[in-house]
PDB file of N, CA and C in Angstrom:
ATOM      1  N   MET A   1       0.820  -1.183   0.000  1.00  0.00           N
ATOM      2  CA  MET A   1       0.000   0.000   0.000  1.00  0.00           C
ATOM      3  C   MET A   1       0.869   1.253   0.000  1.00  0.00           C
ATOM      4  N   GLU A   2       1.925   1.237   0.789  1.00  0.00           N
ATOM      5  CA  GLU A   2       2.803   2.397   0.863  1.00  0.00           C
ATOM      6  C   GLU A   2       3.445   2.675  -0.494  1.00  0.00           C
ATOM      7  N   TYR A   3       3.783   1.605  -1.226  1.00  0.00           N
ATOM      8  CA  TYR A   3       4.377   1.765  -2.551  1.00  0.00           C
ATOM      9  C   TYR A   3       3.401   2.464  -3.489  1.00  0.00           C
ATOM     10  N   LEU A   4       2.140   2.091  -3.414  1.00  0.00           N
ATOM     11  CA  LEU A   4       1.123   2.690  -4.276  1.00  0.00           C
ATOM     12  C   LEU A   4       0.999   4.186  -4.021  1.00  0.00           C
ATOM     13  N   ILE A   5       0.994   4.584  -2.769  1.00  0.00           N
ATOM     14  CA  ILE A   5       0.841   5.993  -2.410  1.00  0.00           C
ATOM     15  C   ILE A   5       2.035   6.811  -2.881  1.00  0.00           C
ATOM     16  N   LYS A   6       3.221   6.219  -2.877  1.00  0.00           N
ATOM     17  CA  LYS A   6       4.424   6.947  -3.277  1.00  0.00           C
ATOM     18  C   LYS A   6       4.680   6.881  -4.779  1.00  0.00           C
ATOM     19  N   SER A   7       3.950   6.057  -5.502  1.00  0.00           N
ATOM     20  CA  SER A   7       4.216   5.918  -6.927  1.00  0.00           C
ATOM     21  C   SER A   7       3.852   7.193  -7.683  1.00  0.00           C
ATOM     22  N   GLU A   8       4.575   7.455  -8.764  1.00  0.00           N
ATOM     23  CA  GLU A   8       4.343   8.652  -9.570  1.00  0.00           C
ATOM     24  C   GLU A   8       2.973   8.604 -10.244  1.00  0.00           C
ATOM     25  N   THR A   9       2.566   7.429 -10.672  1.00  0.00           N
ATOM     26  CA  THR A   9       1.267   7.282 -11.331  1.00  0.00           C
ATOM     27  C   THR A   9       0.144   7.659 -10.380  1.00  0.00           C
ATOM     28  N   TYR A  10       0.225   7.188  -9.157  1.00  0.00           N
ATOM     29  CA  TYR A  10      -0.792   7.502  -8.158  1.00  0.00           C
ATOM     30  C   TYR A  10      -0.816   9.003  -7.893  1.00  0.00           C
ATOM     31  N   GLN A  11       0.342   9.592  -7.720  1.00  0.00           N
ATOM     32  CA  GLN A  11       0.424  11.027  -7.452  1.00  0.00           C
ATOM     33  C   GLN A  11      -0.150  11.838  -8.608  1.00  0.00           C
ATOM     34  N   ARG A  12       0.110  11.412  -9.856  1.00  0.00           N
ATOM     35  CA  ARG A  12      -0.450  12.092 -11.028  1.00  0.00           C
ATOM     36  C   ARG A  12      -1.960  11.995 -11.044  1.00  0.00           C
ATOM     37  N   GLU A  13      -2.469  10.799 -10.715  1.00  0.00           N
ATOM     38  CA  GLU A  13      -3.923  10.604 -10.697  1.00  0.00           C
ATOM     39  C   GLU A  13      -4.592  11.482  -9.634  1.00  0.00           C
ATOM     40  N   VAL A  14      -3.978  11.596  -8.476  1.00  0.00           N
ATOM     41  CA  VAL A  14      -4.516  12.440  -7.410  1.00  0.00           C
ATOM     42  C   VAL A  14      -4.532  13.893  -7.853  1.00  0.00           C
ATOM     43  N   LYS A  15      -3.433  14.355  -8.449  1.00  0.00           N
ATOM     44  CA  LYS A  15      -3.366  15.740  -8.922  1.00  0.00           C
ATOM     45  C   LYS A  15      -4.400  15.980 -10.017  1.00  0.00           C
ATOM     46  N   ASN A  16      -4.558  15.020 -10.917  1.00  0.00           N
ATOM     47  CA  ASN A  16      -5.534  15.136 -11.996  1.00  0.00           C
ATOM     48  C   ASN A  16      -6.949  15.203 -11.426  1.00  0.00           C
ATOM     49  N   PHE A  17      -7.230  14.363 -10.441  1.00  0.00           N
ATOM     50  CA  PHE A  17      -8.542  14.364  -9.798  1.00  0.00           C
ATOM     51  C   PHE A  17      -8.815  15.705  -9.136  1.00  0.00           C
ATOM     52  N   GLU A  18      -7.852  16.215  -8.399  1.00  0.00           N
ATOM     53  CA  GLU A  18      -8.013  17.507  -7.725  1.00  0.00           C
ATOM     54  C   GLU A  18      -8.202  18.623  -8.747  1.00  0.00           C
ATOM     55  N   PHE A  19      -7.447  18.581  -9.851  1.00  0.00           N
ATOM     56  CA  PHE A  19      -7.564  19.585 -10.897  1.00  0.00           C
ATOM     57  C   PHE A  19      -8.963  19.551 -11.510  1.00  0.00           C
ATOM     58  N   ASN A  20      -9.490  18.347 -11.760  1.00  0.00           N
ATOM     59  CA  ASN A  20     -10.830  18.232 -12.331  1.00  0.00           C
ATOM     60  C   ASN A  20     -11.898  18.732 -11.371  1.00  0.00           C
ATOM     61  N   LYS A  21     -11.731  18.484 -10.072  1.00  0.00           N
ATOM     62  CA  LYS A  21     -12.672  19.000  -9.078  1.00  0.00           C
ATOM     63  C   LYS A  21     -12.668  20.520  -9.073  1.00  0.00           C
ATOM     64  N   ILE A  22     -11.486  21.099  -9.164  1.00  0.00           N
ATOM     65  CA  ILE A  22     -11.365  22.555  -9.185  1.00  0.00           C
ATOM     66  C   ILE A  22     -12.003  23.121 -10.445  1.00  0.00           C
ATOM     67  N   LYS A  23     -11.785  22.454 -11.579  1.00  0.00           N
ATOM     68  CA  LYS A  23     -12.387  22.911 -12.834  1.00  0.00           C
ATOM     69  C   LYS A  23     -13.910  22.897 -12.753  1.00  0.00           C
ATOM     70  N   LEU A  24     -14.475  21.827 -12.189  1.00  0.00           N
ATOM     71  CA  LEU A  24     -15.927  21.742 -12.055  1.00  0.00           C
ATOM     72  C   LEU A  24     -16.459  22.812 -11.111  1.00  0.00           C
ATOM     73  N   LYS A  25     -15.737  23.056 -10.035  1.00  0.00           N
ATOM     74  CA  LYS A  25     -16.163  24.084  -9.084  1.00  0.00           C
ATOM     75  C   LYS A  25     -16.135  25.464  -9.741  1.00  0.00           C
ATOM     76  N   ASN A  26     -15.072  25.748 -10.492  1.00  0.00           N
ATOM     77  CA  ASN A  26     -14.975  27.031 -11.183  1.00  0.00           C
ATOM     78  C   ASN A  26     -16.064  27.183 -12.233  1.00  0.00           C
ATOM     79  N   LYS A  27     -16.377  26.094 -12.928  1.00  0.00           N
ATOM     80  CA  LYS A  27     -17.443  26.134 -13.922  1.00  0.00           C
ATOM     81  C   LYS A  27     -18.784  26.423 -13.254  1.00  0.00           C
ATOM     82  N   ALA A  28     -19.035  25.797 -12.135  1.00  0.00           N
ATOM     83  CA  ALA A  28     -20.280  26.036 -11.397  1.00  0.00           C
ATOM     84  C   ALA A  28     -20.357  27.489 -10.935  1.00  0.00           C
ATOM     85  N   ILE A  29     -19.250  28.028 -10.482  1.00  0.00           N
ATOM     86  CA  ILE A  29     -19.219  29.427 -10.049  1.00  0.00           C
ATOM     87  C   ILE A  29     -19.527  30.349 -11.225  1.00  0.00           C
ATOM     88  N   GLU A  30     -18.950  30.072 -12.384  1.00  0.00           N
ATOM     89  CA  GLU A  30     -19.217  30.892 -13.569  1.00  0.00           C
ATOM     90  C   GLU A  30     -20.690  30.830 -13.964  1.00  0.00           C
ATOM     91  N   ILE A  31     -21.277  29.635 -13.910  1.00  0.00           N
ATOM     92  CA  ILE A  31     -22.697  29.486 -14.245  1.00  0.00           C
ATOM     93  C   ILE A  31     -23.550  30.264 -13.252  1.00  0.00           C
ATOM     94  N   LEU A  32     -23.228  30.167 -11.977  1.00  0.00           N
ATOM     95  CA  LEU A  32     -23.976  30.913 -10.958  1.00  0.00           C
ATOM     96  C   LEU A  32     -23.836  32.417 -11.165  1.00  0.00           C
ATOM     97  N   ASN A  33     -22.644  32.861 -11.547  1.00  0.00           N
ATOM     98  CA  ASN A  33     -22.456  34.291 -11.829  1.00  0.00           C
ATOM     99  C   ASN A  33     -23.318  34.739 -13.002  1.00  0.00           C
ATOM    100  N   ILE A  34     -23.453  33.898 -14.008  1.00  0.00           N
ATOM    101  CA  ILE A  34     -24.264  34.243 -15.173  1.00  0.00           C
ATOM    102  C   ILE A  34     -25.737  34.343 -14.794  1.00  0.00           C
ATOM    103  N   ILE A  35     -26.246  33.371 -14.018  1.00  0.00           N
ATOM    104  CA  ILE A  35     -27.677  33.389 -13.712  1.00  0.00           C
ATOM    105  C   ILE A  35     -28.029  34.331 -12.564  1.00  0.00           C
ATOM    106  N   ASN A  36     -27.028  34.919 -11.918  1.00  0.00           N
ATOM    107  CA  ASN A  36     -27.292  35.897 -10.866  1.00  0.00           C
ATOM    108  C   ASN A  36     -27.319  37.333 -11.384  1.00  0.00           C
ATOM    109  N   GLN A  37     -27.312  37.507 -12.691  1.00  0.00           N
ATOM    110  CA  GLN A  37     -27.412  38.845 -13.285  1.00  0.00           C
ATOM    111  C   GLN A  37     -28.882  39.231 -13.417  1.00  0.00           C
ATOM    112  N   GLU A  38     -29.146  40.510 -13.539  1.00  0.00           N
ATOM    113  CA  GLU A  38     -30.529  40.966 -13.729  1.00  0.00           C
ATOM    114  C   GLU A  38     -31.098  40.425 -15.042  1.00  0.00           C
ATOM    115  N   THR A  39     -30.281  40.456 -16.089  1.00  0.00           N
ATOM    116  CA  THR A  39     -30.672  39.887 -17.369  1.00  0.00           C
ATOM    117  C   THR A  39     -29.649  38.818 -17.732  1.00  0.00           C
ATOM    118  N   ILE A  40     -30.111  37.600 -17.920  1.00  0.00           N
ATOM    119  CA  ILE A  40     -29.227  36.468 -18.178  1.00  0.00           C
ATOM    120  C   ILE A  40     -28.909  36.394 -19.666  1.00  0.00           C
ATOM    121  N   ASP A  41     -27.630  36.282 -19.971  1.00  0.00           N
ATOM    122  CA  ASP A  41     -27.179  36.097 -21.349  1.00  0.00           C
ATOM    123  C   ASP A  41     -27.311  34.605 -21.677  1.00  0.00           C
ATOM    124  N   THR A  42     -28.395  34.233 -22.351  1.00  0.00           N
ATOM    125  CA  THR A  42     -28.677  32.816 -22.601  1.00  0.00           C
ATOM    126  C   THR A  42     -27.666  32.187 -23.552  1.00  0.00           C
ATOM    127  N   LYS A  43     -27.108  32.972 -24.467  1.00  0.00           N
ATOM    128  CA  LYS A  43     -26.080  32.413 -25.369  1.00  0.00           C
ATOM    129  C   LYS A  43     -24.824  32.059 -24.589  1.00  0.00           C
ATOM    130  N   LEU A  44     -24.419  32.946 -23.694  1.00  0.00           N
ATOM    131  CA  LEU A  44     -23.245  32.678 -22.860  1.00  0.00           C
ATOM    132  C   LEU A  44     -23.510  31.484 -21.942  1.00  0.00           C
ATOM    133  N   LEU A  45     -24.690  31.445 -21.361  1.00  0.00           N
ATOM    134  CA  LEU A  45     -25.060  30.327 -20.493  1.00  0.00           C
ATOM    135  C   LEU A  45     -25.037  29.018 -21.269  1.00  0.00           C
ATOM    136  N   SER A  46     -25.563  29.028 -22.469  1.00  0.00           N
ATOM    137  CA  SER A  46     -25.570  27.823 -23.306  1.00  0.00           C
ATOM    138  C   SER A  46     -24.155  27.339 -23.595  1.00  0.00           C
ATOM    139  N   ARG A  47     -23.249  28.284 -23.856  1.00  0.00           N
ATOM    140  CA  ARG A  47     -21.856  27.895 -24.120  1.00  0.00           C
ATOM    141  C   ARG A  47     -21.219  27.251 -22.890  1.00  0.00           C
ATOM    142  N   TYR A  48     -21.504  27.792 -21.709  1.00  0.00           N
ATOM    143  CA  TYR A  48     -20.915  27.233 -20.491  1.00  0.00           C
ATOM    144  C   TYR A  48     -21.446  25.846 -20.176  1.00  0.00           C
ATOM    145  N   VAL A  49     -22.711  25.601 -20.441  1.00  0.00           N
ATOM    146  CA  VAL A  49     -23.297  24.315 -20.055  1.00  0.00           C
ATOM    147  C   VAL A  49     -23.281  23.291 -21.187  1.00  0.00           C
ATOM    148  N   PHE A  50     -22.710  23.636 -22.323  1.00  0.00           N
ATOM    149  CA  PHE A  50     -22.680  22.723 -23.469  1.00  0.00           C
ATOM    150  C   PHE A  50     -22.022  21.394 -23.107  1.00  0.00           C
ATOM    151  N   THR A  51     -20.982  21.423 -22.311  1.00  0.00           N
ATOM    152  CA  THR A  51     -20.272  20.203 -21.931  1.00  0.00           C
ATOM    153  C   THR A  51     -20.770  19.606 -20.625  1.00  0.00           C
ATOM    154  N   GLY A  52     -21.847  20.159 -20.082  1.00  0.00           N
ATOM    155  CA  GLY A  52     -22.427  19.602 -18.866  1.00  0.00           C
ATOM    156  C   GLY A  52     -22.557  20.626 -17.763  1.00  0.00           C
ATOM    157  N   ILE A  53     -23.440  20.321 -16.843  1.00  0.00           N
ATOM    158  CA  ILE A  53     -23.683  21.188 -15.697  1.00  0.00           C
ATOM    159  C   ILE A  53     -23.190  20.455 -14.450  1.00  0.00           C
ATOM    160  N   PRO A  54     -22.227  21.020 -13.744  1.00  0.00           N
ATOM    161  CA  PRO A  54     -21.704  20.338 -12.558  1.00  0.00           C
ATOM    162  C   PRO A  54     -22.778  20.133 -11.500  1.00  0.00           C
ATOM    163  N   HIS A  55     -22.777  18.972 -10.893  1.00  0.00           N
ATOM    164  CA  HIS A  55     -23.693  18.688  -9.788  1.00  0.00           C
ATOM    165  C   HIS A  55     -23.013  17.786  -8.769  1.00  0.00           C
ATOM    166  N   HIS A  56     -21.697  17.966  -8.622  1.00  0.00           N
ATOM    167  CA  HIS A  56     -20.906  17.129  -7.717  1.00  0.00           C
ATOM    168  C   HIS A  56     -21.103  17.479  -6.254  1.00  0.00           C
ATOM    169  N   ASN A  57     -21.737  18.580  -5.996  1.00  0.00           N
ATOM    170  CA  ASN A  57     -21.925  19.063  -4.632  1.00  0.00           C
ATOM    171  C   ASN A  57     -23.421  19.143  -4.339  1.00  0.00           C
ATOM    172  N   GLU A  58     -23.821  18.857  -3.128  1.00  0.00           N
ATOM    173  CA  GLU A  58     -25.247  18.918  -2.769  1.00  0.00           C
ATOM    174  C   GLU A  58     -25.830  20.311  -2.985  1.00  0.00           C
ATOM    175  N   ASP A  59     -25.007  21.333  -2.851  1.00  0.00           N
ATOM    176  CA  ASP A  59     -25.487  22.703  -3.037  1.00  0.00           C
ATOM    177  C   ASP A  59     -25.846  22.991  -4.498  1.00  0.00           C
ATOM    178  N   LEU A  60     -25.337  22.189  -5.423  1.00  0.00           N
ATOM    179  CA  LEU A  60     -25.542  22.439  -6.847  1.00  0.00           C
ATOM    180  C   LEU A  60     -26.608  21.551  -7.472  1.00  0.00           C
ATOM    181  N   ILE A  61     -27.259  20.712  -6.695  1.00  0.00           N
ATOM    182  CA  ILE A  61     -28.237  19.778  -7.253  1.00  0.00           C
ATOM    183  C   ILE A  61     -29.374  20.518  -7.954  1.00  0.00           C
ATOM    184  N   GLY A  62     -29.830  21.633  -7.433  1.00  0.00           N
ATOM    185  CA  GLY A  62     -30.928  22.378  -8.029  1.00  0.00           C
ATOM    186  C   GLY A  62     -30.520  23.263  -9.197  1.00  0.00           C
ATOM    187  N   LEU A  63     -29.242  23.288  -9.530  1.00  0.00           N
ATOM    188  CA  LEU A  63     -28.756  24.158 -10.604  1.00  0.00           C
ATOM    189  C   LEU A  63     -29.197  23.664 -11.978  1.00  0.00           C
ATOM    190  N   ARG A  64     -29.145  22.370 -12.210  1.00  0.00           N
ATOM    191  CA  ARG A  64     -29.484  21.820 -13.527  1.00  0.00           C
ATOM    192  C   ARG A  64     -30.906  22.163 -13.973  1.00  0.00           C
ATOM    193  N   PRO A  65     -31.938  21.938 -13.153  1.00  0.00           N
ATOM    194  CA  PRO A  65     -33.292  22.260 -13.606  1.00  0.00           C
ATOM    195  C   PRO A  65     -33.497  23.738 -13.909  1.00  0.00           C
ATOM    196  N   ILE A  66     -32.874  24.592 -13.122  1.00  0.00           N
ATOM    197  CA  ILE A  66     -33.007  26.031 -13.355  1.00  0.00           C
ATOM    198  C   ILE A  66     -32.352  26.420 -14.671  1.00  0.00           C
ATOM    199  N   VAL A  67     -31.140  25.929 -14.887  1.00  0.00           N
ATOM    200  CA  VAL A  67     -30.420  26.256 -16.127  1.00  0.00           C
ATOM    201  C   VAL A  67     -31.190  25.771 -17.339  1.00  0.00           C
ATOM    202  N   TRP A  68     -31.715  24.554 -17.285  1.00  0.00           N
ATOM    203  CA  TRP A  68     -32.475  24.038 -18.432  1.00  0.00           C
ATOM    204  C   TRP A  68     -33.736  24.854 -18.677  1.00  0.00           C
ATOM    205  N   ARG A  69     -34.402  25.264 -17.634  1.00  0.00           N
ATOM    206  CA  ARG A  69     -35.611  26.087 -17.810  1.00  0.00           C
ATOM    207  C   ARG A  69     -35.282  27.432 -18.448  1.00  0.00           C
ATOM    208  N   ILE A  70     -34.140  27.996 -18.073  1.00  0.00           N
ATOM    209  CA  ILE A  70     -33.724  29.269 -18.669  1.00  0.00           C
ATOM    210  C   ILE A  70     -33.400  29.073 -20.147  1.00  0.00           C
ATOM    211  N   ILE A  71     -32.610  28.053 -20.450  1.00  0.00           N
ATOM    212  CA  ILE A  71     -32.191  27.819 -21.834  1.00  0.00           C
ATOM    213  C   ILE A  71     -33.389  27.497 -22.731  1.00  0.00           C
ATOM    214  N   LEU A  72     -34.338  26.728 -22.220  1.00  0.00           N
ATOM    215  CA  LEU A  72     -35.494  26.342 -23.029  1.00  0.00           C
ATOM    216  C   LEU A  72     -36.580  27.417 -23.077  1.00  0.00           C
ATOM    217  N   GLY A  73     -36.411  28.481 -22.306  1.00  0.00           N
ATOM    218  CA  GLY A  73     -37.364  29.587 -22.335  1.00  0.00           C
ATOM    219  C   GLY A  73     -38.534  29.453 -21.375  1.00  0.00           C
ATOM    220  N   ALA A  74     -38.529  28.434 -20.532  1.00  0.00           N
ATOM    221  CA  ALA A  74     -39.601  28.277 -19.550  1.00  0.00           C
ATOM    222  C   ALA A  74     -39.481  29.329 -18.446  1.00  0.00           C
ATOM    223  N   LEU A  75     -38.281  29.780 -18.183  1.00  0.00           N
ATOM    224  CA  LEU A  75     -38.046  30.896 -17.261  1.00  0.00           C
ATOM    225  C   LEU A  75     -37.544  32.069 -18.095  1.00  0.00           C
ATOM    226  N   PRO A  76     -38.054  33.271 -17.838  1.00  0.00           N
ATOM    227  CA  PRO A  76     -37.577  34.424 -18.600  1.00  0.00           C
ATOM    228  C   PRO A  76     -36.125  34.748 -18.261  1.00  0.00           C
ATOM    229  N   ASN A  77     -35.433  35.405 -19.193  1.00  0.00           N
ATOM    230  CA  ASN A  77     -34.033  35.717 -18.928  1.00  0.00           C
ATOM    231  C   ASN A  77     -33.864  36.935 -18.014  1.00  0.00           C
ATOM    232  N   LYS A  78     -34.933  37.588 -17.657  1.00  0.00           N
ATOM    233  CA  LYS A  78     -34.887  38.665 -16.662  1.00  0.00           C
ATOM    234  C   LYS A  78     -35.297  38.056 -15.311  1.00  0.00           C
ATOM    235  N   THR A  79     -34.348  38.026 -14.391  1.00  0.00           N
ATOM    236  CA  THR A  79     -34.593  37.343 -13.125  1.00  0.00           C
ATOM    237  C   THR A  79     -35.669  38.006 -12.269  1.00  0.00           C
ATOM    238  N   LYS A  80     -35.913  39.287 -12.452  1.00  0.00           N
ATOM    239  CA  LYS A  80     -36.962  39.944 -11.660  1.00  0.00           C
ATOM    240  C   LYS A  80     -38.348  39.447 -12.055  1.00  0.00           C
ATOM    241  N   ASP A  81     -38.487  38.844 -13.245  1.00  0.00           N
ATOM    242  CA  ASP A  81     -39.766  38.302 -13.701  1.00  0.00           C
ATOM    243  C   ASP A  81     -40.034  36.880 -13.183  1.00  0.00           C
ATOM    244  N   TRP A  82     -39.107  36.321 -12.446  1.00  0.00           N
ATOM    245  CA  TRP A  82     -39.307  34.995 -11.897  1.00  0.00           C
ATOM    246  C   TRP A  82     -40.308  35.103 -10.769  1.00  0.00           C
TER     247      TRP A  82
END
């Protein structure tokens, strides 16, 4: 077990995993910043969520339905009209 923890492959995998977690967190923050504007830029939002909507955290579980409703037009892009 100790050999596995010290191996370069294991260390690379851990760093890669941490990097991917950070990327997903940053993506979620960007999406939240977009939908927290008075008027949501749906084209920009669509570009951010094209590769997926992060939901790795319990706090982000409700993000997907809201984003889809905005993109599909079920929610207006002006947040005061919600």
